[in-house]
Amino acid sequence: MTIYATDDWSMTSDRTDENAVRVADRWMLAWRCSWLPDRLLTRAQALAAMVPAEIVAADPYPRHEAAQGRMISAAGEVGIPVEQAVFLLMRRRSA
């Protein structure tokens, strides 16, 4: 899994079509993640939001404790429960 951050303006992944982009909206350094379009995020939160997107793209229900821990931690950094993150990502995936 690799998250690519380019020129401090965008983040993409080699595992998922989800992405994050920097926007000029309210904050000087706000970010929006494709699967959380209604939230303004910091750069660290945007990077964290890319983690569950990559994990769910590879395995929607990871059994490895390390992957589960990464998802819980990343969702917590974004400020949502891990169950909500999985639900939103799975809904986008099936659309």
Protein backbone atom coordinates (compact mmCIF):
# COMPACT_ATOMS: atom_id res chain seq x y z
CA MET A 1 0.00 0.00 0.00
CA THR A 2 1.33 3.37 -0.98
CA ILE A 3 -0.17 6.81 -0.54
CA TYR A 4 1.29 9.38 -2.91
CA ALA A 5 1.31 13.02 -1.79
CA THR A 6 2.16 15.38 -4.64
CA ASP A 7 3.14 19.02 -4.26
CA ASP A 8 1.14 19.31 -1.04
CA TRP A 9 -2.03 19.58 -3.16
CA SER A 10 -3.22 16.02 -3.61
CA MET A 11 -3.05 12.50 -2.23
CA THR A 12 -3.71 9.35 -4.22
CA SER A 13 -3.21 5.65 -3.69
CA ASP A 14 -2.09 2.65 -5.68
CA ARG A 15 -4.91 0.56 -4.16
CA THR A 16 -8.01 2.74 -4.37
CA ASP A 17 -9.57 5.47 -6.46
CA GLU A 18 -10.22 7.52 -3.31
CA ASN A 19 -8.14 10.68 -3.03
CA ALA A 20 -7.67 13.87 -1.05
CA VAL A 21 -7.11 17.37 -2.38
CA ARG A 22 -6.18 20.65 -0.79
CA VAL A 23 -8.88 23.29 -1.04
CA ALA A 24 -9.09 27.01 -0.40
CA ASP A 25 -12.12 26.93 1.85
CA ARG A 26 -12.35 28.54 5.30
CA TRP A 27 -8.91 27.36 6.42
CA MET A 28 -5.79 28.28 4.65
CA LEU A 29 -4.65 24.65 4.51
CA ALA A 30 -7.90 22.67 4.34
CA TRP A 31 -8.20 19.29 2.66
CA ARG A 32 -11.16 17.27 1.37
CA CYS A 33 -11.15 13.51 1.02
CA SER A 34 -13.28 11.97 -1.72
CA TRP A 35 -15.13 9.64 0.65
CA LEU A 36 -15.70 12.39 3.26
CA PRO A 37 -16.70 15.28 0.98
CA ASP A 38 -18.56 17.24 3.66
CA ARG A 39 -15.61 17.47 6.04
CA LEU A 40 -12.72 19.90 6.03
CA LEU A 41 -9.60 18.12 7.20
CA THR A 42 -6.07 18.98 8.14
CA ARG A 43 -3.29 17.46 6.05
CA ALA A 44 -2.67 14.86 8.77
CA GLN A 45 -6.36 13.96 8.87
CA ALA A 46 -6.51 13.68 5.07
CA LEU A 47 -3.53 11.33 5.14
CA ALA A 48 -5.23 9.33 7.91
CA ALA A 49 -8.44 9.16 5.85
CA MET A 50 -6.54 7.52 3.03
CA VAL A 51 -5.52 4.60 5.29
CA PRO A 52 -8.98 3.00 5.72
CA ALA A 53 -9.66 3.61 2.02
CA GLU A 54 -6.59 1.56 1.11
CA ILE A 55 -7.34 -1.19 3.61
CA VAL A 56 -11.00 -1.54 2.57
CA ALA A 57 -9.98 -1.61 -1.09
CA ALA A 58 -7.67 -4.54 -0.39
CA ASP A 59 -9.90 -6.37 2.12
CA PRO A 60 -13.22 -4.90 3.34
CA TYR A 61 -13.13 -6.99 6.52
CA PRO A 62 -9.47 -7.37 7.51
CA ARG A 63 -8.78 -10.12 10.02
CA HIS A 64 -5.24 -9.05 10.84
CA GLU A 65 -5.04 -7.17 14.12
CA ALA A 66 -2.49 -4.77 12.67
CA ALA A 67 -4.84 -3.71 9.86
CA GLN A 68 -7.75 -3.42 12.25
CA GLY A 69 -5.67 -1.29 14.59
CA ARG A 70 -4.55 0.98 11.75
CA MET A 71 -8.17 1.44 10.66
CA ILE A 72 -9.37 2.23 14.18
CA SER A 73 -6.53 4.69 14.73
CA ALA A 74 -6.99 6.41 11.36
CA ALA A 75 -10.78 6.69 11.74
CA GLY A 76 -10.25 8.13 15.22
CA GLU A 77 -7.86 10.74 13.85
CA VAL A 78 -10.49 11.77 11.32
CA GLY A 79 -13.10 11.83 14.10
CA ILE A 80 -15.45 9.06 13.02
CA PRO A 81 -16.10 5.52 14.28
CA VAL A 82 -14.36 2.81 12.29
CA GLU A 83 -17.74 1.22 11.52
CA GLN A 84 -18.88 4.43 9.85
CA ALA A 85 -15.68 4.60 7.82
CA VAL A 86 -16.15 1.03 6.57
CA PHE A 87 -19.82 1.68 5.79
CA LEU A 88 -19.07 4.83 3.78
CA LEU A 89 -16.24 3.21 1.87
CA MET A 90 -18.24 0.08 1.09
CA ARG A 91 -21.19 2.18 -0.07
CA ARG A 92 -18.95 4.14 -2.44
CA ARG A 93 -17.36 0.95 -3.66
CA SER A 94 -20.70 -0.62 -4.55
CA ALA A 95 -21.97 2.51 -6.35
